[in-house]
């Protein structure tokens, strides 16, 4: 009963839990300025974020038990964690524009495009990965994501 004083239903509890967990992943992967170019840090953070997200126990459980819970965030609207990611992406893109390592463009549109790319690799990769084939293993798709991001962001 204590839970239901704060949350009206299980979906709301899970939604808040997803936000907490996903935003924590994003915060851990926002590396401080270590002297490397912004694009290199951003690409590495995004690839690592996708890898971490894909293996996260909460995501795996949701996909196993109630994958429809994710549909509104893929088809209808951005959730709180997606909005937090967009903010982080825009900040990184602005910094990349300033240091000249990221192709100049509309930061909000670029951030949303990055979200679409990484979201598809995070949520759909398991449908195409073949663990028994090194060319189609998760690591190969991580390398492909890195390549796509590099090419997308390069000036």
N, C-alpha and C. Protein backbone atom coordinates (compact mmCIF):
# COMPACT_ATOMS: atom_id res chain seq x y z
N UNK A 1 0.81 -1.21 0.00
CA UNK A 1 0.00 0.00 0.00
C UNK A 1 0.85 1.26 0.00
N UNK A 2 2.00 1.21 0.62
CA UNK A 2 2.87 2.39 0.67
C UNK A 2 3.24 2.83 -0.74
N UNK A 3 3.52 1.87 -1.62
CA UNK A 3 3.85 2.21 -3.00
C UNK A 3 2.71 2.95 -3.69
N UNK A 4 1.50 2.50 -3.47
CA UNK A 4 0.37 3.08 -4.17
C UNK A 4 -0.04 4.44 -3.62
N UNK A 5 0.53 4.85 -2.50
CA UNK A 5 0.32 6.22 -2.03
C UNK A 5 1.10 7.20 -2.91
N UNK A 6 2.22 6.72 -3.43
CA UNK A 6 3.06 7.59 -4.27
C UNK A 6 2.79 7.40 -5.75
N UNK A 7 2.51 6.18 -6.18
CA UNK A 7 2.29 5.87 -7.60
C UNK A 7 0.91 5.26 -7.76
N UNK A 8 0.17 5.67 -8.77
CA UNK A 8 -1.20 5.16 -8.94
C UNK A 8 -1.28 3.72 -9.44
N UNK A 9 -0.21 3.25 -10.14
CA UNK A 9 -0.27 1.90 -10.69
C UNK A 9 1.15 1.41 -10.98
N UNK A 10 1.24 0.15 -11.36
CA UNK A 10 2.54 -0.47 -11.60
C UNK A 10 3.25 0.18 -12.79
N UNK A 11 2.52 0.52 -13.83
CA UNK A 11 3.15 1.15 -15.00
C UNK A 11 3.84 2.46 -14.63
N UNK A 12 3.24 3.23 -13.76
CA UNK A 12 3.84 4.49 -13.33
C UNK A 12 5.10 4.23 -12.52
N UNK A 13 5.08 3.23 -11.67
CA UNK A 13 6.27 2.85 -10.90
C UNK A 13 7.40 2.46 -11.86
N UNK A 14 7.07 1.60 -12.81
CA UNK A 14 8.09 1.14 -13.77
C UNK A 14 8.59 2.31 -14.62
N UNK A 15 7.70 3.21 -15.00
CA UNK A 15 8.11 4.39 -15.78
C UNK A 15 9.11 5.24 -15.00
N UNK A 16 8.84 5.48 -13.73
CA UNK A 16 9.77 6.25 -12.90
C UNK A 16 11.08 5.51 -12.70
N UNK A 17 11.00 4.21 -12.55
CA UNK A 17 12.21 3.39 -12.39
C UNK A 17 13.04 3.43 -13.68
N UNK A 18 12.37 3.32 -14.83
CA UNK A 18 13.09 3.40 -16.10
C UNK A 18 13.81 4.75 -16.21
N UNK A 19 13.10 5.82 -15.89
CA UNK A 19 13.71 7.15 -15.97
C UNK A 19 14.94 7.22 -15.08
N UNK A 20 14.83 6.77 -13.85
CA UNK A 20 15.97 6.83 -12.93
C UNK A 20 17.16 6.03 -13.46
N UNK A 21 16.89 4.83 -13.92
CA UNK A 21 17.97 3.95 -14.39
C UNK A 21 18.60 4.46 -15.69
N UNK A 22 17.78 4.88 -16.66
CA UNK A 22 18.31 5.30 -17.95
C UNK A 22 19.09 6.60 -17.82
N UNK A 23 18.56 7.56 -17.03
CA UNK A 23 19.26 8.83 -16.84
C UNK A 23 20.59 8.59 -16.13
N UNK A 24 20.62 7.64 -15.20
CA UNK A 24 21.88 7.31 -14.52
C UNK A 24 22.91 6.78 -15.50
N UNK A 25 22.48 5.98 -16.47
CA UNK A 25 23.39 5.49 -17.51
C UNK A 25 23.95 6.67 -18.29
N UNK A 26 23.08 7.58 -18.70
CA UNK A 26 23.51 8.75 -19.46
C UNK A 26 24.48 9.62 -18.68
N UNK A 27 24.21 9.80 -17.40
CA UNK A 27 25.09 10.64 -16.57
C UNK A 27 26.48 10.02 -16.43
N UNK A 28 26.55 8.71 -16.31
CA UNK A 28 27.85 8.03 -16.19
C UNK A 28 28.65 8.12 -17.48
N UNK A 29 27.97 8.26 -18.59
CA UNK A 29 28.65 8.22 -19.88
C UNK A 29 28.90 9.60 -20.47
N UNK A 30 28.69 10.63 -19.68
CA UNK A 30 28.98 11.99 -20.11
C UNK A 30 30.36 12.34 -19.58
N UNK A 31 31.41 11.98 -20.34
CA UNK A 31 32.76 12.13 -19.81
C UNK A 31 33.17 13.59 -19.69
N UNK A 32 33.96 13.88 -18.67
CA UNK A 32 34.46 15.25 -18.54
C UNK A 32 35.45 15.54 -19.66
N UNK A 33 35.72 16.79 -19.87
CA UNK A 33 36.67 17.19 -20.90
C UNK A 33 38.05 16.69 -20.50
N UNK A 34 38.54 15.70 -21.22
CA UNK A 34 39.85 15.12 -20.91
C UNK A 34 40.89 15.50 -21.96
N UNK A 35 40.58 16.51 -22.76
CA UNK A 35 41.52 16.96 -23.78
C UNK A 35 41.29 16.34 -25.15
N UNK A 36 40.55 15.21 -25.20
CA UNK A 36 40.25 14.60 -26.49
C UNK A 36 39.20 15.45 -27.20
N UNK A 37 39.13 15.38 -28.51
CA UNK A 37 38.10 16.11 -29.24
C UNK A 37 36.70 15.65 -28.80
N UNK A 38 35.77 16.58 -28.88
CA UNK A 38 34.40 16.30 -28.43
C UNK A 38 33.80 15.12 -29.19
N UNK A 39 33.97 15.09 -30.51
CA UNK A 39 33.35 14.02 -31.30
C UNK A 39 33.82 12.66 -30.83
N UNK A 40 35.09 12.49 -30.55
CA UNK A 40 35.60 11.20 -30.09
C UNK A 40 34.96 10.80 -28.76
N UNK A 41 34.85 11.74 -27.85
CA UNK A 41 34.22 11.45 -26.55
C UNK A 41 32.74 11.14 -26.70
N UNK A 42 32.06 11.91 -27.55
CA UNK A 42 30.63 11.72 -27.76
C UNK A 42 30.35 10.36 -28.39
N UNK A 43 31.07 10.01 -29.43
CA UNK A 43 30.86 8.72 -30.10
C UNK A 43 31.13 7.58 -29.13
N UNK A 44 32.23 7.65 -28.42
CA UNK A 44 32.54 6.57 -27.47
C UNK A 44 31.48 6.46 -26.39
N UNK A 45 31.02 7.62 -25.88
CA UNK A 45 29.97 7.61 -24.86
C UNK A 45 28.66 7.03 -25.37
N UNK A 46 28.30 7.35 -26.61
CA UNK A 46 27.06 6.82 -27.18
C UNK A 46 27.14 5.32 -27.40
N UNK A 47 28.26 4.85 -27.93
CA UNK A 47 28.40 3.40 -28.17
C UNK A 47 28.39 2.66 -26.84
N UNK A 48 29.11 3.17 -25.86
CA UNK A 48 29.14 2.53 -24.54
C UNK A 48 27.75 2.59 -23.89
N UNK A 49 27.05 3.71 -24.08
CA UNK A 49 25.70 3.84 -23.54
C UNK A 49 24.74 2.82 -24.13
N UNK A 50 24.81 2.64 -25.43
CA UNK A 50 23.96 1.64 -26.10
C UNK A 50 24.28 0.25 -25.57
N UNK A 51 25.56 -0.05 -25.46
CA UNK A 51 25.98 -1.38 -24.96
C UNK A 51 25.46 -1.58 -23.52
N UNK A 52 25.63 -0.57 -22.69
CA UNK A 52 25.18 -0.66 -21.29
C UNK A 52 23.66 -0.80 -21.22
N UNK A 53 22.97 0.02 -21.99
CA UNK A 53 21.52 -0.01 -22.00
C UNK A 53 21.00 -1.37 -22.46
N UNK A 54 21.58 -1.89 -23.54
CA UNK A 54 21.14 -3.19 -24.09
C UNK A 54 21.26 -4.30 -23.06
N UNK A 55 22.29 -4.24 -22.22
CA UNK A 55 22.50 -5.29 -21.24
C UNK A 55 21.89 -5.01 -19.88
N UNK A 56 21.21 -3.88 -19.74
CA UNK A 56 20.66 -3.50 -18.43
C UNK A 56 19.58 -4.50 -18.00
N UNK A 57 19.65 -4.98 -16.76
CA UNK A 57 18.67 -5.98 -16.29
C UNK A 57 17.22 -5.51 -16.36
N UNK A 58 16.97 -4.23 -16.09
CA UNK A 58 15.59 -3.74 -16.14
C UNK A 58 15.07 -3.78 -17.57
N UNK A 59 15.86 -3.32 -18.53
CA UNK A 59 15.41 -3.36 -19.92
C UNK A 59 15.18 -4.80 -20.36
N UNK A 60 16.10 -5.67 -20.02
CA UNK A 60 15.95 -7.07 -20.42
C UNK A 60 14.67 -7.68 -19.84
N UNK A 61 14.37 -7.34 -18.59
CA UNK A 61 13.16 -7.86 -17.95
C UNK A 61 11.90 -7.29 -18.61
N UNK A 62 11.92 -6.00 -18.91
CA UNK A 62 10.77 -5.38 -19.57
C UNK A 62 10.53 -6.04 -20.93
N UNK A 63 11.59 -6.24 -21.69
CA UNK A 63 11.44 -6.88 -23.02
C UNK A 63 10.91 -8.30 -22.87
N UNK A 64 11.34 -8.99 -21.84
CA UNK A 64 10.90 -10.37 -21.60
C UNK A 64 9.45 -10.44 -21.13
N UNK A 65 9.04 -9.54 -20.24
CA UNK A 65 7.75 -9.64 -19.57
C UNK A 65 6.67 -8.75 -20.20
N UNK A 66 7.03 -7.51 -20.53
CA UNK A 66 6.02 -6.56 -21.00
C UNK A 66 6.61 -5.57 -22.00
N UNK A 67 7.02 -6.03 -23.18
CA UNK A 67 7.67 -5.13 -24.14
C UNK A 67 6.76 -3.99 -24.60
N UNK A 68 5.46 -4.17 -24.51
CA UNK A 68 4.53 -3.11 -24.91
C UNK A 68 4.70 -1.86 -24.06
N UNK A 69 5.30 -2.01 -22.89
CA UNK A 69 5.55 -0.87 -22.02
C UNK A 69 6.46 0.16 -22.70
N UNK A 70 7.31 -0.30 -23.63
CA UNK A 70 8.25 0.59 -24.32
C UNK A 70 7.62 1.29 -25.53
N UNK A 71 6.52 0.77 -26.04
CA UNK A 71 5.95 1.30 -27.28
C UNK A 71 5.64 2.80 -27.26
N UNK A 72 5.05 3.34 -26.20
CA UNK A 72 4.79 4.79 -26.23
C UNK A 72 6.05 5.62 -26.43
N UNK A 73 7.19 5.13 -25.91
CA UNK A 73 8.45 5.88 -26.00
C UNK A 73 9.13 5.69 -27.34
N UNK A 74 8.65 4.77 -28.13
CA UNK A 74 9.22 4.53 -29.46
C UNK A 74 8.29 5.08 -30.54
N UNK A 75 7.00 5.06 -30.28
CA UNK A 75 6.03 5.42 -31.32
C UNK A 75 5.27 6.72 -31.08
N UNK A 76 5.06 7.10 -29.81
CA UNK A 76 4.14 8.20 -29.53
C UNK A 76 4.77 9.48 -28.98
N UNK A 77 5.75 9.32 -28.06
CA UNK A 77 6.26 10.52 -27.39
C UNK A 77 7.62 10.23 -26.77
N UNK A 78 8.32 11.29 -26.46
CA UNK A 78 9.58 11.15 -25.72
C UNK A 78 9.26 11.08 -24.24
N UNK A 79 9.94 10.19 -23.56
CA UNK A 79 9.82 10.10 -22.11
C UNK A 79 10.84 11.00 -21.44
N UNK A 80 10.79 11.03 -20.13
CA UNK A 80 11.70 11.90 -19.36
C UNK A 80 13.16 11.57 -19.61
N UNK A 81 13.48 10.29 -19.71
CA UNK A 81 14.89 9.94 -19.95
C UNK A 81 15.32 10.34 -21.35
N UNK A 82 14.44 10.21 -22.33
CA UNK A 82 14.78 10.63 -23.69
C UNK A 82 15.02 12.14 -23.74
N UNK A 83 14.19 12.89 -23.01
CA UNK A 83 14.38 14.34 -22.96
C UNK A 83 15.70 14.70 -22.29
N UNK A 84 16.05 13.95 -21.24
CA UNK A 84 17.34 14.18 -20.58
C UNK A 84 18.49 13.87 -21.53
N UNK A 85 18.37 12.78 -22.30
CA UNK A 85 19.40 12.44 -23.28
C UNK A 85 19.53 13.54 -24.34
N UNK A 86 18.40 14.05 -24.81
CA UNK A 86 18.44 15.10 -25.82
C UNK A 86 19.20 16.32 -25.30
N UNK A 87 18.98 16.65 -24.06
CA UNK A 87 19.69 17.79 -23.47
C UNK A 87 21.20 17.53 -23.43
N UNK A 88 21.58 16.32 -22.99
CA UNK A 88 23.01 15.97 -22.97
C UNK A 88 23.60 15.99 -24.39
N UNK A 89 22.87 15.43 -25.33
CA UNK A 89 23.35 15.38 -26.71
C UNK A 89 23.55 16.80 -27.26
N UNK A 90 22.57 17.67 -27.02
CA UNK A 90 22.68 19.05 -27.53
C UNK A 90 23.89 19.76 -26.95
N UNK A 91 24.12 19.58 -25.66
CA UNK A 91 25.28 20.21 -25.02
C UNK A 91 26.57 19.71 -25.67
N UNK A 92 26.66 18.41 -25.88
CA UNK A 92 27.86 17.84 -26.50
C UNK A 92 28.01 18.33 -27.94
N UNK A 93 26.91 18.38 -28.66
CA UNK A 93 26.97 18.85 -30.05
C UNK A 93 27.42 20.31 -30.12
N UNK A 94 26.89 21.15 -29.23
CA UNK A 94 27.32 22.54 -29.18
C UNK A 94 28.83 22.63 -28.93
N UNK A 95 29.31 21.83 -28.00
CA UNK A 95 30.75 21.82 -27.71
C UNK A 95 31.53 21.33 -28.93
N UNK A 96 31.01 20.34 -29.62
CA UNK A 96 31.66 19.83 -30.83
C UNK A 96 31.67 20.84 -31.96
N UNK A 97 30.60 21.64 -32.05
CA UNK A 97 30.58 22.71 -33.05
C UNK A 97 31.68 23.72 -32.73
N UNK A 98 31.80 24.03 -31.43
CA UNK A 98 32.81 25.03 -31.03
C UNK A 98 34.23 24.55 -31.27
N UNK A 99 34.50 23.24 -31.01
CA UNK A 99 35.89 22.77 -31.21
C UNK A 99 36.14 22.30 -32.64
N UNK A 100 35.08 22.35 -33.48
CA UNK A 100 35.25 22.04 -34.90
C UNK A 100 35.27 20.56 -35.24
N UNK A 101 34.97 19.69 -34.27
CA UNK A 101 35.03 18.25 -34.55
C UNK A 101 33.67 17.66 -34.93
N UNK A 102 32.62 18.45 -34.78
CA UNK A 102 31.28 17.99 -35.14
C UNK A 102 30.74 18.89 -36.25
N UNK A 103 30.16 18.26 -37.25
CA UNK A 103 29.56 18.98 -38.38
C UNK A 103 28.54 19.98 -37.85
N UNK A 104 28.65 21.21 -38.33
CA UNK A 104 27.70 22.24 -37.91
C UNK A 104 26.32 21.91 -38.45
N UNK A 105 25.33 22.17 -37.62
CA UNK A 105 23.95 21.93 -37.98
C UNK A 105 23.07 22.41 -36.84
N UNK A 106 21.80 22.22 -36.99
CA UNK A 106 20.84 22.61 -35.96
C UNK A 106 20.99 21.63 -34.79
N UNK A 107 21.47 22.10 -33.62
CA UNK A 107 21.77 21.18 -32.52
C UNK A 107 20.59 20.31 -32.07
N UNK A 108 19.39 20.90 -32.02
CA UNK A 108 18.24 20.11 -31.56
C UNK A 108 17.90 19.02 -32.58
N UNK A 109 17.97 19.35 -33.87
CA UNK A 109 17.69 18.33 -34.90
C UNK A 109 18.77 17.26 -34.90
N UNK A 110 20.03 17.66 -34.76
CA UNK A 110 21.12 16.68 -34.70
C UNK A 110 20.96 15.78 -33.48
N UNK A 111 20.61 16.37 -32.34
CA UNK A 111 20.43 15.57 -31.12
C UNK A 111 19.31 14.56 -31.29
N UNK A 112 18.22 14.99 -31.89
CA UNK A 112 17.09 14.08 -32.11
C UNK A 112 17.45 12.97 -33.09
N UNK A 113 18.25 13.32 -34.08
CA UNK A 113 18.71 12.30 -35.04
C UNK A 113 19.60 11.28 -34.33
N UNK A 114 20.49 11.75 -33.46
CA UNK A 114 21.32 10.83 -32.69
C UNK A 114 20.46 9.91 -31.83
N UNK A 115 19.43 10.49 -31.21
CA UNK A 115 18.54 9.67 -30.38
C UNK A 115 17.90 8.57 -31.22
N UNK A 116 17.43 8.90 -32.41
CA UNK A 116 16.82 7.89 -33.27
C UNK A 116 17.80 6.78 -33.61
N UNK A 117 19.04 7.15 -33.88
CA UNK A 117 20.05 6.15 -34.23
C UNK A 117 20.35 5.25 -33.04
N UNK A 118 20.71 5.84 -31.92
CA UNK A 118 21.13 5.01 -30.78
C UNK A 118 19.96 4.22 -30.21
N UNK A 119 18.77 4.80 -30.26
CA UNK A 119 17.60 4.08 -29.76
C UNK A 119 17.35 2.81 -30.57
N UNK A 120 17.51 2.90 -31.88
CA UNK A 120 17.29 1.71 -32.70
C UNK A 120 18.33 0.64 -32.41
N UNK A 121 19.60 1.03 -32.23
CA UNK A 121 20.63 0.06 -31.90
C UNK A 121 20.41 -0.52 -30.51
N UNK A 122 19.90 0.28 -29.59
CA UNK A 122 19.69 -0.20 -28.22
C UNK A 122 18.49 -1.14 -28.13
N UNK A 123 17.41 -0.80 -28.80
CA UNK A 123 16.18 -1.57 -28.63
C UNK A 123 16.01 -2.71 -29.65
N UNK A 124 16.54 -2.54 -30.84
CA UNK A 124 16.27 -3.52 -31.89
C UNK A 124 17.44 -4.43 -32.23
N UNK A 125 18.61 -4.16 -31.72
CA UNK A 125 19.79 -4.95 -32.10
C UNK A 125 19.58 -6.44 -31.83
N UNK A 126 18.91 -6.77 -30.75
CA UNK A 126 18.76 -8.18 -30.41
C UNK A 126 18.00 -8.96 -31.49
N UNK A 127 17.25 -8.25 -32.32
CA UNK A 127 16.51 -8.93 -33.38
C UNK A 127 17.39 -9.33 -34.56
N UNK A 128 18.59 -8.73 -34.66
CA UNK A 128 19.46 -9.02 -35.80
C UNK A 128 20.82 -9.60 -35.41
N UNK A 129 21.13 -9.58 -34.13
CA UNK A 129 22.42 -10.11 -33.68
C UNK A 129 22.42 -11.64 -33.78
N UNK A 130 23.53 -12.19 -34.26
CA UNK A 130 23.72 -13.65 -34.31
C UNK A 130 25.02 -13.94 -33.56
N UNK A 131 24.89 -14.35 -32.31
CA UNK A 131 26.05 -14.54 -31.44
C UNK A 131 27.03 -15.58 -31.98
N UNK A 132 26.55 -16.50 -32.80
CA UNK A 132 27.42 -17.56 -33.33
C UNK A 132 28.19 -17.14 -34.58
N UNK A 133 28.02 -15.90 -35.02
CA UNK A 133 28.71 -15.39 -36.20
C UNK A 133 29.40 -14.09 -35.80
N UNK A 134 30.72 -14.08 -35.78
CA UNK A 134 31.49 -12.90 -35.34
C UNK A 134 31.14 -11.65 -36.14
N UNK A 135 30.78 -11.82 -37.40
CA UNK A 135 30.44 -10.66 -38.24
C UNK A 135 29.06 -10.09 -37.91
N UNK A 136 28.25 -10.88 -37.19
CA UNK A 136 26.90 -10.43 -36.81
C UNK A 136 26.71 -10.41 -35.29
N UNK A 137 27.80 -10.50 -34.54
CA UNK A 137 27.74 -10.48 -33.08
C UNK A 137 27.51 -9.04 -32.59
N UNK A 138 27.12 -8.91 -31.35
CA UNK A 138 26.85 -7.59 -30.77
C UNK A 138 28.03 -6.64 -30.93
N UNK A 139 29.23 -7.15 -30.76
CA UNK A 139 30.43 -6.31 -30.88
C UNK A 139 30.59 -5.76 -32.29
N UNK A 140 30.21 -6.55 -33.29
CA UNK A 140 30.28 -6.08 -34.68
C UNK A 140 29.28 -4.94 -34.91
N UNK A 141 28.12 -5.04 -34.29
CA UNK A 141 27.14 -3.98 -34.43
C UNK A 141 27.56 -2.74 -33.64
N UNK A 142 28.26 -2.92 -32.52
CA UNK A 142 28.82 -1.77 -31.80
C UNK A 142 29.82 -1.04 -32.69
N UNK A 143 30.64 -1.79 -33.40
CA UNK A 143 31.61 -1.18 -34.32
C UNK A 143 30.89 -0.46 -35.47
N UNK A 144 29.82 -1.06 -35.94
CA UNK A 144 29.04 -0.43 -37.02
C UNK A 144 28.39 0.86 -36.52
N UNK A 145 27.87 0.84 -35.30
CA UNK A 145 27.29 2.04 -34.71
C UNK A 145 28.36 3.13 -34.60
N UNK A 146 29.54 2.76 -34.14
CA UNK A 146 30.64 3.72 -34.02
C UNK A 146 30.93 4.35 -35.39
N UNK A 147 30.97 3.54 -36.43
CA UNK A 147 31.23 4.02 -37.79
C UNK A 147 30.11 4.99 -38.24
N UNK A 148 28.88 4.61 -38.02
CA UNK A 148 27.74 5.45 -38.42
C UNK A 148 27.80 6.80 -37.70
N UNK A 149 28.07 6.77 -36.40
CA UNK A 149 28.13 8.01 -35.62
C UNK A 149 29.29 8.88 -36.08
N UNK A 150 30.43 8.28 -36.31
CA UNK A 150 31.59 9.05 -36.79
C UNK A 150 31.25 9.74 -38.11
N UNK A 151 30.66 9.00 -39.04
CA UNK A 151 30.35 9.56 -40.35
C UNK A 151 29.26 10.62 -40.27
N UNK A 152 28.29 10.40 -39.38
CA UNK A 152 27.20 11.35 -39.21
C UNK A 152 27.67 12.67 -38.62
N UNK A 153 28.60 12.58 -37.69
CA UNK A 153 29.03 13.77 -36.95
C UNK A 153 30.24 14.48 -37.56
N UNK A 154 30.98 13.81 -38.41
CA UNK A 154 32.20 14.41 -38.97
C UNK A 154 31.88 15.67 -39.75
N UNK A 155 32.72 16.71 -39.60
CA UNK A 155 32.52 17.95 -40.35
C UNK A 155 32.71 17.73 -41.86
